[in-house]
Full PDB file with SEQRES, HELIX, SHEET, SSBOND, CRYST1, ORIGX, SCALE, CONECT and MASTER records, all heavy atoms in Angstrom:
SEQRES   1 A   29  LEU ASP GLU VAL ARG GLU SER LEU ALA GLU VAL GLY ILE          
SEQRES   2 A   29  THR GLY LEU THR VAL THR GLU VAL LYS GLY PHE GLY ARG          
SEQRES   3 A   29  GLN LYS GLY                                                  
HELIX    1 AA1 ASP A    2  GLU A   10  1                                   9    
CRYST1    1.000    1.000    1.000  90.00  90.00  90.00 P 1           1          
ORIGX1      1.000000  0.000000  0.000000        0.00000                         
ORIGX2      0.000000  1.000000  0.000000        0.00000                         
ORIGX3      0.000000  0.000000  1.000000        0.00000                         
SCALE1      1.000000  0.000000  0.000000        0.00000                         
SCALE2      0.000000  1.000000  0.000000        0.00000                         
SCALE3      0.000000  0.000000  1.000000        0.00000                         
ATOM      1  N   LEU A   1       0.809  -1.226  -0.006  1.00  0.00           N  
ATOM      2  CA  LEU A   1      -0.019  -0.004  -0.019  1.00  0.00           C  
ATOM      3  C   LEU A   1       0.827   1.265  -0.005  1.00  0.00           C  
ATOM      4  O   LEU A   1       0.604   2.173  -0.826  1.00  0.00           O  
ATOM      5  CB  LEU A   1      -0.976  -0.010   1.185  1.00  0.00           C  
ATOM      6  CG  LEU A   1      -1.805   1.250   1.357  1.00  0.00           C  
ATOM      7  CD1 LEU A   1      -2.649   1.496   0.116  1.00  0.00           C  
ATOM      8  CD2 LEU A   1      -2.662   1.172   2.601  1.00  0.00           C  
ATOM      9  N   ASP A   2       1.818   1.377   0.889  1.00  0.00           N  
ATOM     10  CA  ASP A   2       2.589   2.623   0.932  1.00  0.00           C  
ATOM     11  C   ASP A   2       3.375   2.847  -0.339  1.00  0.00           C  
ATOM     12  O   ASP A   2       3.468   3.999  -0.806  1.00  0.00           O  
ATOM     13  CB  ASP A   2       3.573   2.567   2.156  1.00  0.00           C  
ATOM     14  CG  ASP A   2       2.861   2.805   3.460  1.00  0.00           C  
ATOM     15  OD1 ASP A   2       1.790   3.448   3.455  1.00  0.00           O  
ATOM     16  OD2 ASP A   2       3.361   2.340   4.491  1.00  0.00           O  
ATOM     17  N   GLU A   3       3.932   1.785  -0.927  1.00  0.00           N  
ATOM     18  CA  GLU A   3       4.663   1.954  -2.191  1.00  0.00           C  
ATOM     19  C   GLU A   3       3.739   2.427  -3.306  1.00  0.00           C  
ATOM     20  O   GLU A   3       4.105   3.293  -4.082  1.00  0.00           O  
ATOM     21  CB  GLU A   3       5.300   0.613  -2.571  1.00  0.00           C  
ATOM     22  CG  GLU A   3       6.439   0.196  -1.710  1.00  0.00           C  
ATOM     23  CD  GLU A   3       6.986  -1.165  -2.045  1.00  0.00           C  
ATOM     24  OE1 GLU A   3       7.297  -1.368  -3.260  1.00  0.00           O  
ATOM     25  OE2 GLU A   3       7.103  -1.981  -1.140  1.00  0.00           O  
ATOM     26  N   VAL A   4       2.527   1.890  -3.362  1.00  0.00           N  
ATOM     27  CA  VAL A   4       1.587   2.306  -4.392  1.00  0.00           C  
ATOM     28  C   VAL A   4       1.166   3.743  -4.196  1.00  0.00           C  
ATOM     29  O   VAL A   4       1.118   4.547  -5.124  1.00  0.00           O  
ATOM     30  CB  VAL A   4       0.358   1.367  -4.427  1.00  0.00           C  
ATOM     31  CG1 VAL A   4      -0.760   1.896  -5.306  1.00  0.00           C  
ATOM     32  CG2 VAL A   4       0.744  -0.064  -4.888  1.00  0.00           C  
ATOM     33  N   ARG A   5       0.884   4.137  -2.946  1.00  0.00           N  
ATOM     34  CA  ARG A   5       0.508   5.531  -2.655  1.00  0.00           C  
ATOM     35  C   ARG A   5       1.605   6.503  -3.071  1.00  0.00           C  
ATOM     36  O   ARG A   5       1.350   7.491  -3.704  1.00  0.00           O  
ATOM     37  CB  ARG A   5       0.203   5.696  -1.164  1.00  0.00           C  
ATOM     38  CG  ARG A   5      -0.277   7.066  -0.785  1.00  0.00           C  
ATOM     39  CD  ARG A   5      -0.438   7.246   0.712  1.00  0.00           C  
ATOM     40  NE  ARG A   5       0.760   6.840   1.496  1.00  0.00           N  
ATOM     41  CZ  ARG A   5       1.862   7.591   1.593  1.00  0.00           C  
ATOM     42  NH1 ARG A   5       1.938   8.740   0.973  1.00  0.00           N  
ATOM     43  NH2 ARG A   5       2.870   7.162   2.326  1.00  0.00           N  
ATOM     44  N   GLU A   6       2.854   6.146  -2.752  1.00  0.00           N  
ATOM     45  CA  GLU A   6       3.986   7.028  -3.152  1.00  0.00           C  
ATOM     46  C   GLU A   6       4.137   7.067  -4.639  1.00  0.00           C  
ATOM     47  O   GLU A   6       4.429   8.122  -5.224  1.00  0.00           O  
ATOM     48  CB  GLU A   6       5.281   6.509  -2.488  1.00  0.00           C  
ATOM     49  CG  GLU A   6       5.314   6.728  -0.974  1.00  0.00           C  
ATOM     50  CD  GLU A   6       6.393   5.939  -0.296  1.00  0.00           C  
ATOM     51  OE1 GLU A   6       7.271   5.359  -1.005  1.00  0.00           O  
ATOM     52  OE2 GLU A   6       6.430   5.916   0.950  1.00  0.00           O  
ATOM     53  N   SER A   7       3.957   5.940  -5.310  1.00  0.00           N  
ATOM     54  CA  SER A   7       4.086   5.883  -6.759  1.00  0.00           C  
ATOM     55  C   SER A   7       2.997   6.749  -7.450  1.00  0.00           C  
ATOM     56  O   SER A   7       3.279   7.429  -8.424  1.00  0.00           O  
ATOM     57  CB  SER A   7       4.016   4.419  -7.221  1.00  0.00           C  
ATOM     58  OG  SER A   7       4.255   4.315  -8.597  1.00  0.00           O  
ATOM     59  N   LEU A   8       1.798   6.678  -6.919  1.00  0.00           N  
ATOM     60  CA  LEU A   8       0.691   7.529  -7.464  1.00  0.00           C  
ATOM     61  C   LEU A   8       0.995   8.992  -7.207  1.00  0.00           C  
ATOM     62  O   LEU A   8       0.710   9.856  -8.067  1.00  0.00           O  
ATOM     63  CB  LEU A   8      -0.631   7.113  -6.860  1.00  0.00           C  
ATOM     64  CG  LEU A   8      -1.221   5.795  -7.365  1.00  0.00           C  
ATOM     65  CD1 LEU A   8      -2.395   5.360  -6.498  1.00  0.00           C  
ATOM     66  CD2 LEU A   8      -1.625   5.908  -8.817  1.00  0.00           C  
ATOM     67  N   ALA A   9       1.550   9.341  -6.056  1.00  0.00           N  
ATOM     68  CA  ALA A   9       1.894  10.727  -5.749  1.00  0.00           C  
ATOM     69  C   ALA A   9       2.901  11.269  -6.732  1.00  0.00           C  
ATOM     70  O   ALA A   9       2.869  12.428  -7.088  1.00  0.00           O  
ATOM     71  CB  ALA A   9       2.338  10.881  -4.296  1.00  0.00           C  
ATOM     72  N   GLU A  10       3.842  10.392  -7.142  1.00  0.00           N  
ATOM     73  CA  GLU A  10       4.854  10.829  -8.099  1.00  0.00           C  
ATOM     74  C   GLU A  10       4.285  11.222  -9.430  1.00  0.00           C  
ATOM     75  O   GLU A  10       4.856  12.041 -10.127  1.00  0.00           O  
ATOM     76  CB  GLU A  10       5.882   9.721  -8.287  1.00  0.00           C  
ATOM     77  CG  GLU A  10       6.816   9.509  -7.103  1.00  0.00           C  
ATOM     78  CD  GLU A  10       7.718   8.295  -7.248  1.00  0.00           C  
ATOM     79  OE1 GLU A  10       7.734   7.684  -8.358  1.00  0.00           O  
ATOM     80  OE2 GLU A  10       8.368   7.941  -6.275  1.00  0.00           O  
ATOM     81  N   VAL A  11       3.122  10.659  -9.825  1.00  0.00           N  
ATOM     82  CA  VAL A  11       2.507  11.027 -11.100  1.00  0.00           C  
ATOM     83  C   VAL A  11       1.418  12.088 -10.887  1.00  0.00           C  
ATOM     84  O   VAL A  11       0.629  12.385 -11.793  1.00  0.00           O  
ATOM     85  CB  VAL A  11       1.975   9.812 -11.868  1.00  0.00           C  
ATOM     86  CG1 VAL A  11       3.070   8.909 -12.283  1.00  0.00           C  
ATOM     87  CG2 VAL A  11       0.903   9.074 -11.099  1.00  0.00           C  
ATOM     88  N   GLY A  12       1.347  12.657  -9.687  1.00  0.00           N  
ATOM     89  CA  GLY A  12       0.450  13.774  -9.436  1.00  0.00           C  
ATOM     90  C   GLY A  12      -0.911  13.412  -8.889  1.00  0.00           C  
ATOM     91  O   GLY A  12      -1.808  14.254  -8.830  1.00  0.00           O  
ATOM     92  N   ILE A  13      -1.101  12.178  -8.450  1.00  0.00           N  
ATOM     93  CA  ILE A  13      -2.400  11.784  -7.891  1.00  0.00           C  
ATOM     94  C   ILE A  13      -2.289  11.827  -6.343  1.00  0.00           C  
ATOM     95  O   ILE A  13      -1.516  11.079  -5.781  1.00  0.00           O  
ATOM     96  CB  ILE A  13      -2.796  10.366  -8.397  1.00  0.00           C  
ATOM     97  CG1 ILE A  13      -2.960  10.430  -9.888  1.00  0.00           C  
ATOM     98  CG2 ILE A  13      -4.062   9.895  -7.684  1.00  0.00           C  
ATOM     99  CD1 ILE A  13      -3.081   9.094 -10.540  1.00  0.00           C  
ATOM    100  N   THR A  14      -3.105  12.708  -5.749  1.00  0.00           N  
ATOM    101  CA  THR A  14      -2.943  12.898  -4.306  1.00  0.00           C  
ATOM    102  C   THR A  14      -4.131  12.320  -3.531  1.00  0.00           C  
ATOM    103  O   THR A  14      -3.967  12.086  -2.332  1.00  0.00           O  
ATOM    104  CB  THR A  14      -2.840  14.382  -3.995  1.00  0.00           C  
ATOM    105  OG1 THR A  14      -3.992  15.068  -4.574  1.00  0.00           O  
ATOM    106  CG2 THR A  14      -1.588  14.966  -4.576  1.00  0.00           C  
ATOM    107  N   GLY A  15      -5.254  12.107  -4.158  1.00  0.00           N  
ATOM    108  CA  GLY A  15      -6.404  11.616  -3.416  1.00  0.00           C  
ATOM    109  C   GLY A  15      -6.738  10.182  -3.793  1.00  0.00           C  
ATOM    110  O   GLY A  15      -6.775   9.872  -4.972  1.00  0.00           O  
ATOM    111  N   LEU A  16      -7.016   9.362  -2.764  1.00  0.00           N  
ATOM    112  CA  LEU A  16      -7.413   8.003  -3.055  1.00  0.00           C  
ATOM    113  C   LEU A  16      -8.216   7.464  -1.877  1.00  0.00           C  
ATOM    114  O   LEU A  16      -8.145   7.987  -0.787  1.00  0.00           O  
ATOM    115  CB  LEU A  16      -6.191   7.108  -3.358  1.00  0.00           C  
ATOM    116  CG  LEU A  16      -5.063   7.029  -2.389  1.00  0.00           C  
ATOM    117  CD1 LEU A  16      -5.252   5.932  -1.406  1.00  0.00           C  
ATOM    118  CD2 LEU A  16      -3.773   6.768  -3.161  1.00  0.00           C  
ATOM    119  N   THR A  17      -8.914   6.420  -2.128  1.00  0.00           N  
ATOM    120  CA  THR A  17      -9.696   5.744  -1.100  1.00  0.00           C  
ATOM    121  C   THR A  17      -9.149   4.325  -0.930  1.00  0.00           C  
ATOM    122  O   THR A  17      -8.930   3.649  -1.894  1.00  0.00           O  
ATOM    123  CB  THR A  17     -11.204   5.693  -1.464  1.00  0.00           C  
ATOM    124  OG1 THR A  17     -11.668   7.012  -1.682  1.00  0.00           O  
ATOM    125  CG2 THR A  17     -12.012   5.008  -0.386  1.00  0.00           C  
ATOM    126  N   VAL A  18      -8.978   3.893   0.328  1.00  0.00           N  
ATOM    127  CA  VAL A  18      -8.417   2.589   0.630  1.00  0.00           C  
ATOM    128  C   VAL A  18      -9.413   1.806   1.486  1.00  0.00           C  
ATOM    129  O   VAL A  18      -9.945   2.347   2.455  1.00  0.00           O  
ATOM    130  CB  VAL A  18      -7.062   2.714   1.354  1.00  0.00           C  
ATOM    131  CG1 VAL A  18      -6.533   1.341   1.738  1.00  0.00           C  
ATOM    132  CG2 VAL A  18      -6.076   3.454   0.523  1.00  0.00           C  
ATOM    133  N   THR A  19      -9.642   0.561   1.112  1.00  0.00           N  
ATOM    134  CA  THR A  19     -10.562  -0.313   1.869  1.00  0.00           C  
ATOM    135  C   THR A  19      -9.837  -1.619   2.092  1.00  0.00           C  
ATOM    136  O   THR A  19      -9.231  -2.173   1.184  1.00  0.00           O  
ATOM    137  CB  THR A  19     -11.843  -0.588   1.070  1.00  0.00           C  
ATOM    138  OG1 THR A  19     -12.388   0.663   0.619  1.00  0.00           O  
ATOM    139  CG2 THR A  19     -12.882  -1.301   1.888  1.00  0.00           C  
ATOM    140  N   GLU A  20      -9.909  -2.153   3.307  1.00  0.00           N  
ATOM    141  CA  GLU A  20      -9.380  -3.485   3.567  1.00  0.00           C  
ATOM    142  C   GLU A  20     -10.433  -4.504   3.150  1.00  0.00           C  
ATOM    143  O   GLU A  20     -11.597  -4.415   3.578  1.00  0.00           O  
ATOM    144  CB  GLU A  20      -9.054  -3.623   5.081  1.00  0.00           C  
ATOM    145  CG  GLU A  20      -7.886  -2.783   5.505  1.00  0.00           C  
ATOM    146  CD  GLU A  20      -7.550  -2.931   6.977  1.00  0.00           C  
ATOM    147  OE1 GLU A  20      -8.093  -3.876   7.618  1.00  0.00           O  
ATOM    148  OE2 GLU A  20      -6.783  -2.146   7.464  1.00  0.00           O  
ATOM    149  N   VAL A  21     -10.039  -5.454   2.296  1.00  0.00           N  
ATOM    150  CA  VAL A  21     -10.958  -6.448   1.754  1.00  0.00           C  
ATOM    151  C   VAL A  21     -10.328  -7.829   1.885  1.00  0.00           C  
ATOM    152  O   VAL A  21      -9.151  -7.987   2.248  1.00  0.00           O  
ATOM    153  CB  VAL A  21     -11.327  -6.151   0.302  1.00  0.00           C  
ATOM    154  CG1 VAL A  21     -12.078  -4.838   0.199  1.00  0.00           C  
ATOM    155  CG2 VAL A  21     -10.076  -6.134  -0.571  1.00  0.00           C  
ATOM    156  N   LYS A  22     -11.122  -8.858   1.603  1.00  0.00           N  
ATOM    157  CA  LYS A  22     -10.622 -10.209   1.590  1.00  0.00           C  
ATOM    158  C   LYS A  22     -11.081 -10.827   0.287  1.00  0.00           C  
ATOM    159  O   LYS A  22     -12.171 -10.521  -0.217  1.00  0.00           O  
ATOM    160  CB  LYS A  22     -11.161 -11.021   2.760  1.00  0.00           C  
ATOM    161  CG  LYS A  22     -10.573 -10.589   4.091  1.00  0.00           C  
ATOM    162  CD  LYS A  22     -11.092 -11.496   5.189  1.00  0.00           C  
ATOM    163  CE  LYS A  22     -10.487 -11.036   6.514  1.00  0.00           C  
ATOM    164  NZ  LYS A  22     -10.758 -12.018   7.553  1.00  0.00           N  
ATOM    165  N   GLY A  23     -10.268 -11.750  -0.270  1.00  0.00           N  
ATOM    166  CA  GLY A  23     -10.689 -12.410  -1.480  1.00  0.00           C  
ATOM    167  C   GLY A  23      -9.633 -13.414  -1.910  1.00  0.00           C  
ATOM    168  O   GLY A  23      -8.632 -13.639  -1.250  1.00  0.00           O  
ATOM    169  N   PHE A  24      -9.960 -14.064  -3.031  1.00  0.00           N  
ATOM    170  CA  PHE A  24      -8.989 -14.997  -3.613  1.00  0.00           C  
ATOM    171  C   PHE A  24      -9.296 -15.140  -5.082  1.00  0.00           C  
ATOM    172  O   PHE A  24     -10.396 -14.908  -5.553  1.00  0.00           O  
ATOM    173  CB  PHE A  24      -8.996 -16.372  -2.913  1.00  0.00           C  
ATOM    174  CG  PHE A  24     -10.199 -17.183  -3.178  1.00  0.00           C  
ATOM    175  CD1 PHE A  24     -10.235 -18.088  -4.243  1.00  0.00           C  
ATOM    176  CD2 PHE A  24     -11.345 -17.079  -2.385  1.00  0.00           C  
ATOM    177  CE1 PHE A  24     -11.362 -18.852  -4.491  1.00  0.00           C  
ATOM    178  CE2 PHE A  24     -12.458 -17.859  -2.651  1.00  0.00           C  
ATOM    179  CZ  PHE A  24     -12.483 -18.724  -3.686  1.00  0.00           C  
ATOM    180  N   GLY A  25      -8.264 -15.514  -5.817  1.00  0.00           N  
ATOM    181  CA  GLY A  25      -8.390 -15.804  -7.249  1.00  0.00           C  
ATOM    182  C   GLY A  25      -7.715 -17.128  -7.512  1.00  0.00           C  
ATOM    183  O   GLY A  25      -8.003 -18.130  -6.829  1.00  0.00           O  
ATOM    184  N   ARG A  26      -6.812 -17.142  -8.408  1.00  0.00           N  
ATOM    185  CA  ARG A  26      -6.012 -18.365  -8.707  1.00  0.00           C  
ATOM    186  C   ARG A  26      -5.225 -18.795  -7.477  1.00  0.00           C  
ATOM    187  O   ARG A  26      -4.893 -19.922  -7.341  1.00  0.00           O  
ATOM    188  CB  ARG A  26      -5.090 -18.128  -9.859  1.00  0.00           C  
ATOM    189  CG  ARG A  26      -5.764 -18.043 -11.169  1.00  0.00           C  
ATOM    190  CD  ARG A  26      -4.759 -18.094 -12.274  1.00  0.00           C  
ATOM    191  NE  ARG A  26      -5.405 -17.576 -13.476  1.00  0.00           N  
ATOM    192  CZ  ARG A  26      -4.789 -16.807 -14.357  1.00  0.00           C  
ATOM    193  NH1 ARG A  26      -3.529 -16.477 -14.209  1.00  0.00           N  
ATOM    194  NH2 ARG A  26      -5.447 -16.406 -15.431  1.00  0.00           N  
ATOM    195  N   GLN A  27      -4.919 -17.817  -6.641  1.00  0.00           N  
ATOM    196  CA  GLN A  27      -4.101 -18.045  -5.461  1.00  0.00           C  
ATOM    197  C   GLN A  27      -4.815 -19.018  -4.500  1.00  0.00           C  
ATOM    198  O   GLN A  27      -4.207 -19.659  -3.681  1.00  0.00           O  
ATOM    199  CB  GLN A  27      -3.830 -16.722  -4.756  1.00  0.00           C  
ATOM    200  CG  GLN A  27      -2.817 -16.771  -3.667  1.00  0.00           C  
ATOM    201  CD  GLN A  27      -2.584 -15.354  -3.115  1.00  0.00           C  
ATOM    202  OE1 GLN A  27      -3.295 -14.418  -3.463  1.00  0.00           O  
ATOM    203  NE2 GLN A  27      -1.604 -15.205  -2.286  1.00  0.00           N  
ATOM    204  N   LYS A  28      -6.159 -19.081  -4.645  1.00  0.00           N  
ATOM    205  CA  LYS A  28      -7.026 -19.888  -3.756  1.00  0.00           C  
ATOM    206  C   LYS A  28      -6.770 -19.438  -2.317  1.00  0.00           C  
ATOM    207  O   LYS A  28      -6.737 -18.273  -2.032  1.00  0.00           O  
ATOM    208  CB  LYS A  28      -6.771 -21.390  -3.956  1.00  0.00           C  
ATOM    209  CG  LYS A  28      -6.887 -21.852  -5.379  1.00  0.00           C  
ATOM    210  CD  LYS A  28      -8.306 -22.171  -5.725  1.00  0.00           C  
ATOM    211  CE  LYS A  28      -8.470 -22.825  -7.073  1.00  0.00           C  
ATOM    212  NZ  LYS A  28      -8.137 -22.011  -8.198  1.00  0.00           N  
ATOM    213  N   GLY A  29      -6.563 -20.354  -1.426  1.00  0.00           N  
ATOM    214  CA  GLY A  29      -6.274 -20.008  -0.039  1.00  0.00           C  
ATOM    215  C   GLY A  29      -5.034 -20.754   0.355  1.00  0.00           C  
ATOM    216  O   GLY A  29      -4.196 -21.133  -0.441  1.00  0.00           O  
TER     217      GLY A  29                                                      
MASTER        0    0    0    1    0    0    0    6  216    1    0    3          
END                                                                             
């Protein structure tokens, strides 16, 4: 999360919404 937030800030995006979620895809459990 912190790396993504910093990377978005570098391209000029300052506002975002973050939600903690749970899920799975190919990774299964």
